[in-house]
Structure formats: structure tokens, C-alpha cells
Amino acid sequence: MRIECPSCGAVYEVADSLVPAGRTVRCARCAREWMPVPAAPVLEPEPDPQPEPKRPEVVETKPPVAAARPSAMDRLAAHRPAPRPSARLRLAWAASALLLVLAVAAAYAWRGQVVAGWPPSARVYTLFGLEPRAEAAP
């Protein structure tokens, strides 16, 4: 059963068994109490019988000549190949790798100076089995 508050217009769907005749209900929105009157059922008119659909005539058509160009949707649906990395990007990766190798080589070659400047680094060198060389006094 569909009931509507006469004060604020709130609409509720309630089971018929919950609202027997003569029972008052309270609106949750405005707190007004009223006795709902069951609405008369709305009868829907019977649909008119549909005539049998006519069979469409089969007509062969040739695609237009200008249709050789793909549509925008065809272009969007097509899988594009992944772009090849540019030469600049490859050069940047190579330079980064070279810089990393040079940093590791410098840390190995000058490990005595590194340990003298930062004593906790001796633990890292020992961990990798590289004893720092003693610095020769100038």
C-alpha cells in the first residue's frame, strides 16, 4: 500500500497487513498523525492488439566508396603499438647506469678516505668483505 502524508507530502510503501482500517500512522518527516485511506486501485487500460509486423524487404546495398577510410571509433578500438623509447630516453638510462657504476668504483677506490670522513661506513665495507685501507700520512 502506498500512503502519503497530507501535511508534508512524504510517500511511504507499507504492507497492507500493517495498516488495517481505522489505524493512525505518524509521518517520520513531520511527525503528524493521520488515518490513511486506501487508494483506489488504478486500472491500466488494456493494450491495443498489435498488428503483425511487416517483413522488411531485403535490399542489397553497396558500401560507399568513401568508406575506405576507418571511422573514429575504428581508430579508437584499434590497438596501437607501444611507442618506442626515444634515443634521449635510452641515453638518459645509459648515463644513469654509468654514473652509478662510477659511484661504486669511487667508493671502492677511495674507501680509506670515506671511512676517515665517515667512520660508521667501516661497518658497510666490512659487511662486504672490504677492509678499508689505512691512509698513508702525507
Foldseek 3Di string as FASTA:
>chain_A
DWFADPPPGDIDDDDQVVQDAPDWDADPPPRDIDRTDDDDDDDDDDDDDDDDDDDDDDDDDDDDPVPPDDDPVVVVPDDDDDDDDDPVVVVVVVVVVVVVVVVVVVCLVPVQVVCVVPVVCQVVCVVVPHHHDHDDDD
